[in-house]
Amino acid sequence: MILVIMTGCQPKTDPTPVSDTYFALGTVVTITLYDGSSHDLIDQCFTEITRLENLLSKSIEGSDIYLVNQHAGISETVVSPETMEVIKKGIEYGTLSDGAFDISIGPLVNLWKIGEEGAKVPAQTEIDQALMHIDYRDIIIDNAKNSVFLPYEGMVIDLGGIAKGYIADKVAALLDENGCNSALINLGGNVLTVGIKPTKELWKIGIQDPMSNRGDYLAIVDVGVKSVVTSGIYERFFIENGIRYHHILNPFTGYPYESDITGVSIISDKSVDGDALSTTCFALSIEKAMALIETLPDTEAVFVNQSGEIFKTSGIGNTVPFTQLY
């Protein structure tokens, strides 16, 4: 996992935390309840995660996204309200980022296969062909029918840059609806808090050092009811001819983004926003990424560059306590 929860010891008078771990969304998911809620509620959360993954994954046969992609250039596909909500959110971030975040990135993802067996640098002709089918503005939404249509054969929606955040928010809503008032959700780097700690203190979230081994943390942020999403070039990559290729792909060039950013953590109210923003920032220099985050309400960010230097938006250290470990 990219982030670790730094919770400390609980007083003996507090309920014993209950926690469980599950593999979903291609990562390890951990949910911990601190208010005396039962394992049954965690089971409900895992059921909800599975349900949403079965709608939003492009690789699960029969999912909404799988069917939308299968019908590209052929016909529209009626989708669930949840799928429509995520696609619209993805298009919104496509507009915000001027296309740097693009949910129609699927042709490139399928071509590079980063994080999968057989990952390699594609031929330039293959990249050029894939780029011809990428443009979020081409996605056709019919609100009356709740349908989605990809007008060109070869278009592929991939919600990998936003789905985990959306699902984390849905799990938090489920916990809230069931009366849980103290919990932590960790979807492999998407951390979301529910309510307050039993000690009434802020939650302490450790931020992975992108240049070190997994589990080595360079800082801690103290947050209330917030999402902390961390992305980095260390997550999924392969090396070919001595060159490291990471998984955050540029929809304009067809290659992994070349950026001075090695890791970014977004602190926001909603995990879906943190997810999309953490990807978007890799399209920008640290200076431009910080300027973007500063325009967004209730949103902060921590960046690490290639030299290991840390850069923070104005609220980090002020509204969001920050402790650098080294």
Protein backbone atom coordinates (compact mmCIF):
# COMPACT_ATOMS: atom_id res chain seq x y z
CA MET A 1 0.00 0.00 0.00
CA ILE A 2 1.20 3.49 -0.76
CA LEU A 3 -0.01 5.07 2.45
CA VAL A 4 -0.02 3.74 5.97
CA ILE A 5 -2.35 4.76 8.73
CA MET A 6 -0.56 6.06 11.80
CA THR A 7 -3.18 5.58 14.52
CA GLY A 8 -1.23 5.08 17.72
CA CYS A 9 -2.51 3.22 20.75
CA GLN A 10 -6.13 3.53 21.87
CA PRO A 11 -7.18 4.07 25.48
CA LYS A 12 -8.49 0.96 27.20
CA THR A 13 -11.92 2.54 27.55
CA ASP A 14 -12.37 2.74 23.77
CA PRO A 15 -14.00 -0.08 21.80
CA THR A 16 -11.58 -2.62 20.35
CA PRO A 17 -11.02 -1.77 16.66
CA VAL A 18 -12.20 -4.32 14.12
CA SER A 19 -10.34 -4.60 10.85
CA ASP A 20 -10.25 -6.77 7.77
CA THR A 21 -8.29 -6.94 4.54
CA TYR A 22 -9.52 -7.90 1.10
CA PHE A 23 -7.99 -7.97 -2.38
CA ALA A 24 -9.98 -5.93 -4.88
CA LEU A 25 -9.44 -3.27 -7.52
CA GLY A 26 -6.02 -4.78 -8.18
CA THR A 27 -4.81 -3.83 -4.71
CA VAL A 28 -5.06 -4.60 -1.01
CA VAL A 29 -8.09 -3.02 0.66
CA THR A 30 -8.18 -2.56 4.43
CA ILE A 31 -11.14 -1.24 6.42
CA THR A 32 -10.85 -0.55 10.14
CA LEU A 33 -13.75 0.44 12.39
CA TYR A 34 -13.01 2.14 15.71
CA ASP A 35 -16.48 2.71 17.17
CA GLY A 36 -17.49 -0.81 18.17
CA SER A 37 -19.17 -1.63 14.85
CA SER A 38 -19.08 -5.30 13.85
CA HIS A 39 -17.29 -7.29 11.16
CA ASP A 40 -20.69 -7.59 9.47
CA LEU A 41 -20.47 -3.94 8.49
CA ILE A 42 -17.01 -4.48 6.99
CA ASP A 43 -18.45 -7.40 5.02
CA GLN A 44 -21.12 -5.06 3.66
CA CYS A 45 -18.36 -2.68 2.57
CA PHE A 46 -16.49 -5.43 0.74
CA THR A 47 -19.72 -6.50 -0.96
CA GLU A 48 -20.23 -2.92 -2.12
CA ILE A 49 -16.65 -2.68 -3.39
CA THR A 50 -17.12 -5.86 -5.41
CA ARG A 51 -20.44 -4.64 -6.81
CA LEU A 52 -18.93 -1.36 -7.97
CA GLU A 53 -15.82 -3.02 -9.38
CA ASN A 54 -18.12 -5.27 -11.41
CA LEU A 55 -19.63 -2.14 -12.95
CA LEU A 56 -16.54 0.02 -13.47
CA SER A 57 -13.73 -2.36 -14.43
CA LYS A 58 -12.88 -2.49 -18.11
CA SER A 59 -11.46 -5.99 -17.78
CA ILE A 60 -14.35 -7.77 -16.03
CA GLU A 61 -16.48 -9.35 -18.72
CA GLY A 62 -20.02 -8.05 -18.62
CA SER A 63 -19.25 -4.90 -16.62
CA ASP A 64 -20.76 -1.62 -17.77
CA ILE A 65 -17.39 -0.35 -18.99
CA TYR A 66 -16.58 -3.66 -20.68
CA LEU A 67 -19.86 -3.45 -22.62
CA VAL A 68 -19.41 0.23 -23.50
CA ASN A 69 -15.99 -0.60 -24.94
CA GLN A 70 -17.24 -3.70 -26.75
CA HIS A 71 -19.90 -1.60 -28.48
CA ALA A 72 -17.53 1.19 -29.53
CA GLY A 73 -18.46 2.38 -33.02
CA ILE A 74 -21.55 0.14 -32.98
CA SER A 75 -24.21 1.18 -30.49
CA GLU A 76 -24.88 2.96 -27.23
CA THR A 77 -24.90 1.08 -23.92
CA VAL A 78 -27.30 1.72 -21.06
CA VAL A 79 -25.28 1.88 -17.84
CA SER A 80 -25.95 2.07 -14.12
CA PRO A 81 -26.33 5.46 -12.41
CA GLU A 82 -23.00 4.86 -10.66
CA THR A 83 -21.16 4.24 -13.92
CA MET A 84 -22.70 7.34 -15.46
CA GLU A 85 -21.66 9.38 -12.43
CA VAL A 86 -18.03 8.27 -12.69
CA ILE A 87 -17.86 8.85 -16.45
CA LYS A 88 -19.28 12.35 -16.05
CA LYS A 89 -16.77 13.06 -13.29
CA GLY A 90 -13.99 11.81 -15.56
CA ILE A 91 -15.13 14.09 -18.36
CA GLU A 92 -15.27 16.98 -15.89
CA TYR A 93 -11.62 16.40 -14.98
CA GLY A 94 -10.75 16.05 -18.64
CA THR A 95 -12.05 19.58 -19.11
CA LEU A 96 -10.34 20.90 -15.96
CA SER A 97 -6.99 19.46 -17.04
CA ASP A 98 -7.30 20.37 -20.75
CA GLY A 99 -7.17 16.68 -21.60
CA ALA A 100 -4.20 15.74 -19.43
CA PHE A 101 -6.58 13.48 -17.50
CA ASP A 102 -8.50 11.46 -20.07
CA ILE A 103 -10.72 8.47 -19.29
CA SER A 104 -10.51 7.37 -22.93
CA ILE A 105 -6.82 6.53 -22.34
CA GLY A 106 -7.68 2.81 -22.63
CA PRO A 107 -6.03 2.15 -26.02
CA LEU A 108 -2.66 3.25 -24.59
CA VAL A 109 -3.14 1.32 -21.34
CA ASN A 110 -3.91 -1.84 -23.30
CA LEU A 111 -0.91 -1.26 -25.55
CA TRP A 112 1.74 -0.68 -22.88
CA LYS A 113 0.40 -3.28 -20.39
CA ILE A 114 2.36 -1.66 -17.56
CA GLY A 115 1.88 -3.68 -14.39
CA GLU A 116 0.91 -6.75 -16.40
CA GLU A 117 2.81 -9.62 -17.93
CA GLY A 118 4.23 -8.74 -21.32
CA ALA A 119 4.80 -5.03 -20.66
CA LYS A 120 7.14 -3.50 -23.25
CA VAL A 121 7.71 -0.33 -25.23
CA PRO A 122 5.28 -0.43 -28.18
CA ALA A 123 6.25 0.40 -31.73
CA GLN A 124 5.75 4.04 -32.66
CA THR A 125 3.21 3.04 -35.30
CA GLU A 126 1.15 1.29 -32.60
CA ILE A 127 1.32 4.35 -30.35
CA ASP A 128 0.27 6.63 -33.20
CA GLN A 129 -2.69 4.37 -33.92
CA ALA A 130 -3.76 4.33 -30.27
CA LEU A 131 -3.56 8.13 -30.01
CA MET A 132 -6.07 8.47 -32.84
CA HIS A 133 -8.72 6.89 -30.58
CA ILE A 134 -8.15 9.00 -27.46
CA ASP A 135 -10.28 12.07 -26.75
CA TYR A 136 -12.69 12.28 -23.82
CA ARG A 137 -14.65 14.93 -25.76
CA ASP A 138 -15.80 12.25 -28.20
CA ILE A 139 -17.66 10.30 -25.51
CA ILE A 140 -21.41 10.70 -26.09
CA ILE A 141 -23.67 10.81 -23.04
CA ASP A 142 -27.47 10.49 -23.28
CA ASN A 143 -28.92 11.54 -19.94
CA ALA A 144 -32.48 10.63 -20.88
CA LYS A 145 -31.48 7.04 -21.66
CA ASN A 146 -28.60 6.88 -19.15
CA SER A 147 -26.49 5.58 -22.01
CA VAL A 148 -22.90 5.97 -23.17
CA PHE A 149 -21.63 5.71 -26.73
CA LEU A 150 -18.08 5.62 -28.05
CA PRO A 151 -18.51 6.73 -31.67
CA TYR A 152 -15.32 5.21 -33.07
CA GLU A 153 -14.23 1.59 -33.15
CA GLY A 154 -11.05 1.25 -31.10
CA MET A 155 -12.03 3.74 -28.40
CA VAL A 156 -11.63 2.35 -24.87
CA ILE A 157 -12.73 3.91 -21.58
CA ASP A 158 -10.45 3.15 -18.64
CA LEU A 159 -11.56 4.46 -15.24
CA GLY A 160 -8.38 3.34 -13.46
CA GLY A 161 -7.45 6.93 -12.64
CA ILE A 162 -10.69 7.72 -10.84
CA ALA A 163 -12.66 4.58 -9.91
CA LYS A 164 -10.85 3.79 -6.64
CA GLY A 165 -11.56 7.26 -5.33
CA TYR A 166 -15.21 7.02 -6.26
CA ILE A 167 -15.53 3.61 -4.61
CA ALA A 168 -13.79 4.86 -1.45
CA ASP A 169 -16.36 7.67 -1.22
CA LYS A 170 -19.19 5.16 -1.65
CA VAL A 171 -17.80 2.98 1.14
CA ALA A 172 -17.56 6.01 3.43
CA ALA A 173 -21.19 6.85 2.65
CA LEU A 174 -22.21 3.27 3.45
CA LEU A 175 -20.45 3.41 6.81
CA ASP A 176 -22.08 6.74 7.60
CA GLU A 177 -25.52 5.42 6.66
CA ASN A 178 -25.01 2.52 9.06
CA GLY A 179 -24.13 4.80 11.96
CA CYS A 180 -20.37 4.23 11.99
CA ASN A 181 -18.69 7.34 13.40
CA SER A 182 -15.02 6.36 13.41
CA ALA A 183 -13.31 4.42 10.62
CA LEU A 184 -10.44 4.32 8.15
CA ILE A 185 -10.69 3.12 4.58
CA ASN A 186 -7.51 2.27 2.67
CA LEU A 187 -7.88 1.27 -0.96
CA GLY A 188 -4.21 0.76 -1.76
CA GLY A 189 -3.18 4.40 -1.62
CA ASN A 190 -6.61 6.00 -1.42
CA VAL A 191 -7.08 6.66 2.28
CA LEU A 192 -10.36 8.12 3.53
CA THR A 193 -11.35 8.87 7.11
CA VAL A 194 -14.84 8.54 8.52
CA GLY A 195 -15.71 10.59 11.60
CA ILE A 196 -13.14 11.24 14.30
CA LYS A 197 -10.59 9.12 16.15
CA PRO A 198 -11.75 7.68 19.47
CA THR A 199 -9.07 9.86 21.12
CA LYS A 200 -10.64 12.97 19.49
CA GLU A 201 -7.26 13.69 17.86
CA LEU A 202 -6.65 14.16 14.16
CA TRP A 203 -5.88 11.12 12.04
CA LYS A 204 -2.19 10.70 11.20
CA ILE A 205 -1.55 9.55 7.64
CA GLY A 206 1.96 8.57 6.58
CA ILE A 207 3.09 9.54 3.08
CA GLN A 208 5.25 7.10 1.15
CA ASP A 209 8.73 8.20 0.12
CA PRO A 210 8.58 7.72 -3.68
CA MET A 211 12.34 7.16 -3.90
CA SER A 212 12.53 4.48 -1.20
CA ASN A 213 11.18 1.06 -0.30
CA ARG A 214 7.47 0.59 0.23
CA GLY A 215 6.73 1.33 3.87
CA ASP A 216 9.32 4.10 4.15
CA TYR A 217 7.56 7.38 4.90
CA LEU A 218 8.89 10.87 4.42
CA ALA A 219 6.14 12.77 6.22
CA ILE A 220 2.92 12.60 8.18
CA VAL A 221 -0.15 14.75 7.63
CA ASP A 222 -2.76 15.20 10.37
CA VAL A 223 -6.29 15.34 8.98
CA GLY A 224 -9.89 15.36 10.11
CA VAL A 225 -12.60 13.92 7.86
CA LYS A 226 -10.54 13.92 4.68
CA SER A 227 -9.21 11.88 1.80
CA VAL A 228 -5.48 11.48 1.21
CA VAL A 229 -4.56 10.04 -2.19
CA THR A 230 -0.95 9.38 -3.14
CA SER A 231 0.31 8.53 -6.60
CA GLY A 232 3.84 8.05 -7.82
CA ILE A 233 6.01 6.74 -10.58
CA TYR A 234 7.12 3.95 -8.21
CA GLU A 235 3.72 2.20 -8.24
CA ARG A 236 3.85 0.27 -11.51
CA PHE A 237 6.71 0.32 -13.98
CA PHE A 238 9.10 -1.75 -16.05
CA ILE A 239 12.65 -1.23 -17.23
CA GLU A 240 13.69 -1.74 -20.85
CA ASN A 241 17.18 -1.02 -22.18
CA GLY A 242 18.01 0.71 -18.91
CA ILE A 243 15.07 3.10 -19.14
CA ARG A 244 12.29 3.07 -16.53
CA TYR A 245 8.74 3.39 -17.88
CA HIS A 246 6.02 4.17 -15.31
CA HIS A 247 2.26 3.69 -15.64
CA ILE A 248 1.04 7.30 -15.79
CA LEU A 249 0.58 7.72 -19.53
CA ASN A 250 0.41 10.97 -21.50
CA PRO A 251 -2.64 11.00 -23.82
CA PHE A 252 -0.89 13.51 -26.09
CA THR A 253 2.48 11.80 -26.66
CA GLY A 254 1.54 8.17 -25.98
CA TYR A 255 4.46 7.72 -23.57
CA PRO A 256 4.68 7.92 -19.77
CA TYR A 257 4.64 11.51 -18.53
CA GLU A 258 8.05 13.14 -18.22
CA SER A 259 7.76 15.26 -15.11
CA ASP A 260 9.86 16.58 -12.28
CA ILE A 261 7.27 15.01 -9.96
CA THR A 262 7.98 11.55 -8.52
CA GLY A 263 5.13 11.50 -6.02
CA VAL A 264 2.11 13.59 -5.12
CA SER A 265 -0.38 13.39 -2.26
CA ILE A 266 -3.71 15.17 -2.58
CA ILE A 267 -5.68 16.05 0.55
CA SER A 268 -9.33 16.71 -0.32
CA ASP A 269 -12.86 16.21 0.95
CA LYS A 270 -13.67 13.53 -1.64
CA SER A 271 -11.40 10.69 -2.70
CA VAL A 272 -12.70 10.78 -6.27
CA ASP A 273 -11.27 14.30 -6.60
CA GLY A 274 -7.97 13.31 -5.05
CA ASP A 275 -7.70 10.39 -7.44
CA ALA A 276 -8.19 12.46 -10.59
CA LEU A 277 -6.04 15.34 -9.35
CA SER A 278 -3.13 13.10 -8.39
CA THR A 279 -2.97 11.88 -11.98
CA THR A 280 -3.54 15.32 -13.48
CA CYS A 281 -0.60 16.78 -11.56
CA PHE A 282 1.86 14.52 -13.37
CA ALA A 283 1.04 16.35 -16.59
CA LEU A 284 2.34 19.57 -15.08
CA SER A 285 5.49 20.96 -13.55
CA ILE A 286 5.43 21.20 -9.76
CA GLU A 287 4.98 24.97 -10.07
CA LYS A 288 1.93 24.64 -12.34
CA ALA A 289 0.50 21.74 -10.36
CA MET A 290 0.72 23.74 -7.14
CA ALA A 291 -0.94 26.70 -8.85
CA LEU A 292 -3.81 24.45 -9.97
CA ILE A 293 -4.36 23.01 -6.49
CA GLU A 294 -4.33 26.49 -4.97
CA THR A 295 -7.37 27.38 -7.11
CA LEU A 296 -9.43 24.51 -5.68
CA PRO A 297 -11.36 24.90 -2.42
CA ASP A 298 -10.55 22.64 0.55
CA THR A 299 -7.74 20.95 -1.38
CA GLU A 300 -4.03 20.73 -0.57
CA ALA A 301 -1.08 18.81 -1.97
CA VAL A 302 2.40 17.58 -1.13
CA PHE A 303 4.85 17.01 -4.00
CA VAL A 304 8.20 15.25 -4.15
CA ASN A 305 10.57 15.96 -7.04
CA GLN A 306 13.31 13.90 -8.67
CA SER A 307 15.85 15.19 -6.14
CA GLY A 308 13.70 14.21 -3.17
CA GLU A 309 12.75 17.80 -2.32
CA ILE A 310 9.30 18.36 -0.82
CA PHE A 311 6.94 21.10 -2.02
CA LYS A 312 3.67 21.97 -0.29
CA THR A 313 0.62 24.06 -1.09
CA SER A 314 -0.15 26.95 1.23
CA GLY A 315 -2.48 25.07 3.58
CA ILE A 316 0.03 22.32 4.39
CA GLY A 317 1.55 23.16 7.75
CA ASN A 318 -1.24 25.64 8.45
CA THR A 319 -4.74 24.18 8.11
CA VAL A 320 -3.22 20.71 7.60
CA PRO A 321 -0.48 19.90 10.18
CA PHE A 322 2.59 18.41 8.52
CA THR A 323 5.57 16.59 10.04
CA GLN A 324 8.58 15.83 7.85
CA LEU A 325 10.34 12.69 9.06
CA TYR A 326 13.68 13.29 7.32
